[in-house]
Amino acid sequence: MAAEPHPGPSPTVRPGEPEIAVTEVQGNVLPGFRTARVALVFAEILDRAAALRFLRRLPVTTCADMLWHRHGRARPGPGAEPPWTNVAFSFPGLSKVAADAGAVTDMAFKSGMAARSSLLADPSDPRSDGYAGNWVIGGPPCDDVDLLLILGADDPVRLGARLAELCGQTPAGLRVRHV
């Protein structure tokens, strides 16, 4: 089967830059969901095998899905229709599901945002709401967030239904920490 043409202008790859397939990048990274509503689900991985089963069933929306949608073309695929879904991991979360997570060399990712908050000009005063120790997510008492599910849609009913469906699937391998 021949590959379908890219729906937008051909990107220019600079010398020395890797060419990345739009089917290998999540849609909220490039070009972005650009939806009126977003739901965020923060979860802790309790059971590796069950979490991997859940993640394999997750209809992840790719950059290709978003580009096809923006250009008004229907594209078959589990992540091609809203509500769109992406997933992000913390380094501890990635370490729970990926045997080769130790090969990650990015120290900012490995350290986590709380450890680097002062570099981002977050407050250093523990009495401030923005102090890392006072964060609702990523600081005590909720510093065990392993992954983030990002859902995007314009229709609040469809977004709510998808959120309820996902949270209903998660108890086996994940514990939802915050929605």
C-alpha atoms as a PDB file:
ATOM      1  CA  MET A   1       0.000   0.000   0.000  1.00  0.00           C
ATOM      2  CA  ALA A   2       1.477   3.354  -1.017  1.00  0.00           C
ATOM      3  CA  ALA A   3       1.912   6.023   1.622  1.00  0.00           C
ATOM      4  CA  GLU A   4      -0.619   8.830   1.494  1.00  0.00           C
ATOM      5  CA  PRO A   5       0.779  12.290   0.763  1.00  0.00           C
ATOM      6  CA  HIS A   6       1.464  14.595   3.676  1.00  0.00           C
ATOM      7  CA  PRO A   7      -1.540  16.928   4.099  1.00  0.00           C
ATOM      8  CA  GLY A   8       0.483  20.108   4.543  1.00  0.00           C
ATOM      9  CA  PRO A   9       3.529  21.788   3.122  1.00  0.00           C
ATOM     10  CA  SER A  10       6.668  19.680   3.020  1.00  0.00           C
ATOM     11  CA  PRO A  11       8.876  20.487   5.988  1.00  0.00           C
ATOM     12  CA  THR A  12      12.459  21.511   5.420  1.00  0.00           C
ATOM     13  CA  VAL A  13      14.979  19.505   7.392  1.00  0.00           C
ATOM     14  CA  ARG A  14      18.056  21.475   8.388  1.00  0.00           C
ATOM     15  CA  PRO A  15      21.444  19.816   7.916  1.00  0.00           C
ATOM     16  CA  GLY A  16      22.337  17.821  11.015  1.00  0.00           C
ATOM     17  CA  GLU A  17      18.748  17.721  12.287  1.00  0.00           C
ATOM     18  CA  PRO A  18      17.033  14.332  12.427  1.00  0.00           C
ATOM     19  CA  GLU A  19      13.998  13.768  10.255  1.00  0.00           C
ATOM     20  CA  ILE A  20      11.135  12.623  12.435  1.00  0.00           C
ATOM     21  CA  ALA A  21       8.054  10.834  11.112  1.00  0.00           C
ATOM     22  CA  VAL A  22       4.817  12.653  11.972  1.00  0.00           C
ATOM     23  CA  THR A  23       3.364   9.274  12.954  1.00  0.00           C
ATOM     24  CA  GLU A  24       5.987   9.026  15.730  1.00  0.00           C
ATOM     25  CA  VAL A  25       5.257  12.376  17.453  1.00  0.00           C
ATOM     26  CA  GLN A  26       2.254  12.928  19.700  1.00  0.00           C
ATOM     27  CA  GLY A  27      -0.291  15.428  18.412  1.00  0.00           C
ATOM     28  CA  ASN A  28      -0.167  17.706  21.448  1.00  0.00           C
ATOM     29  CA  VAL A  29       3.591  18.162  20.950  1.00  0.00           C
ATOM     30  CA  LEU A  30       3.345  19.197  17.292  1.00  0.00           C
ATOM     31  CA  PRO A  31       1.124  20.872  16.096  1.00  0.00           C
ATOM     32  CA  GLY A  32      -0.911  20.882  19.316  1.00  0.00           C
ATOM     33  CA  PHE A  33      -4.534  19.996  20.036  1.00  0.00           C
ATOM     34  CA  ARG A  34      -5.764  23.628  19.983  1.00  0.00           C
ATOM     35  CA  THR A  35      -9.012  22.638  21.625  1.00  0.00           C
ATOM     36  CA  ALA A  36     -11.387  24.687  23.743  1.00  0.00           C
ATOM     37  CA  ARG A  37     -11.156  22.120  26.558  1.00  0.00           C
ATOM     38  CA  VAL A  38      -8.398  19.960  28.001  1.00  0.00           C
ATOM     39  CA  ALA A  39      -8.535  17.363  30.767  1.00  0.00           C
ATOM     40  CA  LEU A  40      -5.418  16.218  32.584  1.00  0.00           C
ATOM     41  CA  VAL A  41      -5.239  12.910  34.454  1.00  0.00           C
ATOM     42  CA  PHE A  42      -2.229  12.427  36.739  1.00  0.00           C
ATOM     43  CA  ALA A  43      -1.589   8.813  37.713  1.00  0.00           C
ATOM     44  CA  GLU A  44       0.791   6.599  39.626  1.00  0.00           C
ATOM     45  CA  ILE A  45       1.885   3.256  38.165  1.00  0.00           C
ATOM     46  CA  LEU A  46       1.174   0.481  40.663  1.00  0.00           C
ATOM     47  CA  ASP A  47       1.547  -2.597  38.481  1.00  0.00           C
ATOM     48  CA  ARG A  48       3.884  -2.623  35.466  1.00  0.00           C
ATOM     49  CA  ALA A  49       2.139  -5.378  33.478  1.00  0.00           C
ATOM     50  CA  ALA A  50      -1.352  -3.955  34.000  1.00  0.00           C
ATOM     51  CA  ALA A  51      -0.166  -0.411  33.216  1.00  0.00           C
ATOM     52  CA  LEU A  52       1.433  -1.615  29.976  1.00  0.00           C
ATOM     53  CA  ARG A  53      -1.812  -3.370  28.965  1.00  0.00           C
ATOM     54  CA  PHE A  54      -3.702  -0.110  29.587  1.00  0.00           C
ATOM     55  CA  LEU A  55      -1.158   1.972  27.657  1.00  0.00           C
ATOM     56  CA  ARG A  56      -1.187  -0.421  24.681  1.00  0.00           C
ATOM     57  CA  ARG A  57      -4.977   0.028  24.388  1.00  0.00           C
ATOM     58  CA  LEU A  58      -4.728   3.812  24.619  1.00  0.00           C
ATOM     59  CA  PRO A  59      -5.631   5.498  21.297  1.00  0.00           C
ATOM     60  CA  VAL A  60      -2.727   7.944  21.150  1.00  0.00           C
ATOM     61  CA  THR A  61      -3.246  10.888  18.789  1.00  0.00           C
ATOM     62  CA  THR A  62      -0.258  11.547  16.552  1.00  0.00           C
ATOM     63  CA  CYS A  63       1.012  14.657  14.803  1.00  0.00           C
ATOM     64  CA  ALA A  64      -0.161  13.046  11.551  1.00  0.00           C
ATOM     65  CA  ASP A  65      -3.698  12.707  12.982  1.00  0.00           C
ATOM     66  CA  MET A  66      -3.739  16.399  13.912  1.00  0.00           C
ATOM     67  CA  LEU A  67      -2.390  17.529  10.532  1.00  0.00           C
ATOM     68  CA  TRP A  68      -4.975  15.466   8.675  1.00  0.00           C
ATOM     69  CA  HIS A  69      -7.736  16.831  10.885  1.00  0.00           C
ATOM     70  CA  ARG A  70      -6.611  20.457  10.425  1.00  0.00           C
ATOM     71  CA  HIS A  71      -6.659  20.086   6.670  1.00  0.00           C
ATOM     72  CA  GLY A  72     -10.243  18.804   6.743  1.00  0.00           C
ATOM     73  CA  ARG A  73      -9.481  15.237   5.745  1.00  0.00           C
ATOM     74  CA  ALA A  74     -10.771  12.175   7.510  1.00  0.00           C
ATOM     75  CA  ARG A  75      -8.069   9.733   8.471  1.00  0.00           C
ATOM     76  CA  PRO A  76      -8.766   6.322   9.940  1.00  0.00           C
ATOM     77  CA  GLY A  77      -6.990   5.451  13.138  1.00  0.00           C
ATOM     78  CA  PRO A  78      -7.769   5.016  16.822  1.00  0.00           C
ATOM     79  CA  GLY A  79      -6.442   8.461  17.781  1.00  0.00           C
ATOM     80  CA  ALA A  80      -7.681  10.417  14.780  1.00  0.00           C
ATOM     81  CA  GLU A  81     -10.983  11.692  16.201  1.00  0.00           C
ATOM     82  CA  PRO A  82     -11.537  13.882  19.257  1.00  0.00           C
ATOM     83  CA  PRO A  83     -11.294  13.658  22.146  1.00  0.00           C
ATOM     84  CA  TRP A  84      -7.607  13.443  21.356  1.00  0.00           C
ATOM     85  CA  THR A  85      -5.307  11.625  23.739  1.00  0.00           C
ATOM     86  CA  ASN A  86      -1.591  11.885  24.541  1.00  0.00           C
ATOM     87  CA  VAL A  87       0.525  10.534  27.386  1.00  0.00           C
ATOM     88  CA  ALA A  88       3.604  11.915  29.142  1.00  0.00           C
ATOM     89  CA  PHE A  89       5.860  10.219  31.683  1.00  0.00           C
ATOM     90  CA  SER A  90       7.982  11.398  34.561  1.00  0.00           C
ATOM     91  CA  PHE A  91      11.387   9.732  34.685  1.00  0.00           C
ATOM     92  CA  PRO A  92      10.351   7.535  37.650  1.00  0.00           C
ATOM     93  CA  GLY A  93       7.237   6.532  35.686  1.00  0.00           C
ATOM     94  CA  LEU A  94       9.194   5.755  32.548  1.00  0.00           C
ATOM     95  CA  SER A  95      11.567   3.663  34.663  1.00  0.00           C
ATOM     96  CA  LYS A  96       8.626   1.575  35.867  1.00  0.00           C
ATOM     97  CA  VAL A  97       7.558   0.585  32.339  1.00  0.00           C
ATOM     98  CA  ALA A  98      10.688   0.780  30.150  1.00  0.00           C
ATOM     99  CA  ALA A  99      13.634  -1.506  30.838  1.00  0.00           C
ATOM    100  CA  ASP A 100      15.978   0.859  28.974  1.00  0.00           C
ATOM    101  CA  ALA A 101      14.922   4.059  30.799  1.00  0.00           C
ATOM    102  CA  GLY A 102      18.404   4.217  32.336  1.00  0.00           C
ATOM    103  CA  ALA A 103      19.754   5.103  28.903  1.00  0.00           C
ATOM    104  CA  VAL A 104      18.027   8.507  29.096  1.00  0.00           C
ATOM    105  CA  THR A 105      20.731  11.162  29.368  1.00  0.00           C
ATOM    106  CA  ASP A 106      18.632  14.321  29.795  1.00  0.00           C
ATOM    107  CA  MET A 107      19.385  15.447  33.349  1.00  0.00           C
ATOM    108  CA  ALA A 108      16.496  17.934  33.439  1.00  0.00           C
ATOM    109  CA  PHE A 109      14.044  15.114  32.731  1.00  0.00           C
ATOM    110  CA  LYS A 110      15.735  12.753  35.192  1.00  0.00           C
ATOM    111  CA  SER A 111      15.800  15.380  37.972  1.00  0.00           C
ATOM    112  CA  GLY A 112      12.174  16.406  37.581  1.00  0.00           C
ATOM    113  CA  MET A 113      10.547  19.818  37.714  1.00  0.00           C
ATOM    114  CA  ALA A 114      10.419  20.149  41.504  1.00  0.00           C
ATOM    115  CA  ALA A 115      14.201  19.725  41.785  1.00  0.00           C
ATOM    116  CA  ARG A 116      14.714  22.350  39.070  1.00  0.00           C
ATOM    117  CA  SER A 117      11.951  24.776  40.015  1.00  0.00           C
ATOM    118  CA  SER A 118      14.350  27.518  41.109  1.00  0.00           C
ATOM    119  CA  LEU A 119      15.922  27.449  37.627  1.00  0.00           C
ATOM    120  CA  LEU A 120      12.457  28.241  36.264  1.00  0.00           C
ATOM    121  CA  ALA A 121      12.188  31.272  38.587  1.00  0.00           C
ATOM    122  CA  ASP A 122       9.604  29.590  40.808  1.00  0.00           C
ATOM    123  CA  PRO A 123       9.402  31.025  44.330  1.00  0.00           C
ATOM    124  CA  SER A 124      11.961  29.753  46.838  1.00  0.00           C
ATOM    125  CA  ASP A 125       9.920  30.871  49.862  1.00  0.00           C
ATOM    126  CA  PRO A 126       8.053  27.883  51.385  1.00  0.00           C
ATOM    127  CA  ARG A 127       5.195  30.257  52.314  1.00  0.00           C
ATOM    128  CA  SER A 128       4.523  31.003  48.644  1.00  0.00           C
ATOM    129  CA  ASP A 129       1.841  29.066  46.766  1.00  0.00           C
ATOM    130  CA  GLY A 130       4.271  28.616  43.853  1.00  0.00           C
ATOM    131  CA  TYR A 131       6.969  26.966  45.991  1.00  0.00           C
ATOM    132  CA  ALA A 132       7.633  23.399  44.742  1.00  0.00           C
ATOM    133  CA  GLY A 133       6.810  21.917  48.156  1.00  0.00           C
ATOM    134  CA  ASN A 134       3.322  23.428  47.900  1.00  0.00           C
ATOM    135  CA  TRP A 135       2.465  22.196  44.411  1.00  0.00           C
ATOM    136  CA  VAL A 136      -0.781  20.236  44.095  1.00  0.00           C
ATOM    137  CA  ILE A 137       0.894  17.961  41.512  1.00  0.00           C
ATOM    138  CA  GLY A 138       4.586  17.131  41.505  1.00  0.00           C
ATOM    139  CA  GLY A 139       5.239  18.066  45.116  1.00  0.00           C
ATOM    140  CA  PRO A 140       4.183  16.593  48.444  1.00  0.00           C
ATOM    141  CA  PRO A 141       1.719  14.992  49.041  1.00  0.00           C
ATOM    142  CA  CYS A 142       1.360  14.102  45.343  1.00  0.00           C
ATOM    143  CA  ASP A 143       4.961  13.649  44.223  1.00  0.00           C
ATOM    144  CA  ASP A 144       4.456  10.107  42.980  1.00  0.00           C
ATOM    145  CA  VAL A 145       2.942  11.071  39.628  1.00  0.00           C
ATOM    146  CA  ASP A 146       4.324   8.684  37.019  1.00  0.00           C
ATOM    147  CA  LEU A 147       2.289   9.648  33.995  1.00  0.00           C
ATOM    148  CA  LEU A 148       0.003  12.296  32.648  1.00  0.00           C
ATOM    149  CA  LEU A 149      -2.879  11.639  30.268  1.00  0.00           C
ATOM    150  CA  ILE A 150      -3.745  14.697  28.184  1.00  0.00           C
ATOM    151  CA  LEU A 151      -7.211  14.747  26.612  1.00  0.00           C
ATOM    152  CA  GLY A 152      -8.400  17.496  24.295  1.00  0.00           C
ATOM    153  CA  ALA A 153     -11.762  18.253  22.678  1.00  0.00           C
ATOM    154  CA  ASP A 154     -14.052  21.149  21.896  1.00  0.00           C
ATOM    155  CA  ASP A 155     -17.199  19.248  22.906  1.00  0.00           C
ATOM    156  CA  PRO A 156     -17.459  19.057  26.725  1.00  0.00           C
ATOM    157  CA  VAL A 157     -19.822  16.067  26.587  1.00  0.00           C
ATOM    158  CA  ARG A 158     -17.441  13.973  24.467  1.00  0.00           C
ATOM    159  CA  LEU A 159     -14.495  15.027  26.615  1.00  0.00           C
ATOM    160  CA  GLY A 160     -16.352  14.102  29.818  1.00  0.00           C
ATOM    161  CA  ALA A 161     -17.387  10.733  28.391  1.00  0.00           C
ATOM    162  CA  ARG A 162     -13.810   9.943  27.343  1.00  0.00           C
ATOM    163  CA  LEU A 163     -12.501  11.004  30.734  1.00  0.00           C
ATOM    164  CA  ALA A 164     -15.026   8.739  32.501  1.00  0.00           C
ATOM    165  CA  GLU A 165     -14.137   5.853  30.174  1.00  0.00           C
ATOM    166  CA  LEU A 166     -10.386   6.208  30.795  1.00  0.00           C
ATOM    167  CA  CYS A 167     -10.685   6.592  34.541  1.00  0.00           C
ATOM    168  CA  GLY A 168     -12.924   3.519  34.608  1.00  0.00           C
ATOM    169  CA  GLN A 169     -10.163   1.464  32.910  1.00  0.00           C
ATOM    170  CA  THR A 170      -7.296   2.514  35.153  1.00  0.00           C
ATOM    171  CA  PRO A 171      -7.706   0.799  38.541  1.00  0.00           C
ATOM    172  CA  ALA A 172      -5.882  -2.405  37.571  1.00  0.00           C
ATOM    173  CA  GLY A 173      -2.435  -0.905  36.949  1.00  0.00           C
ATOM    174  CA  LEU A 174      -2.696   2.771  37.815  1.00  0.00           C
ATOM    175  CA  ARG A 175      -3.934   4.917  40.643  1.00  0.00           C
ATOM    176  CA  VAL A 176      -5.422   8.227  39.545  1.00  0.00           C
ATOM    177  CA  ARG A 177      -3.847  10.894  41.738  1.00  0.00           C
ATOM    178  CA  HIS A 178      -5.523  14.002  40.363  1.00  0.00           C
ATOM    179  CA  VAL A 179      -7.909  15.026  37.563  1.00  0.00           C
END
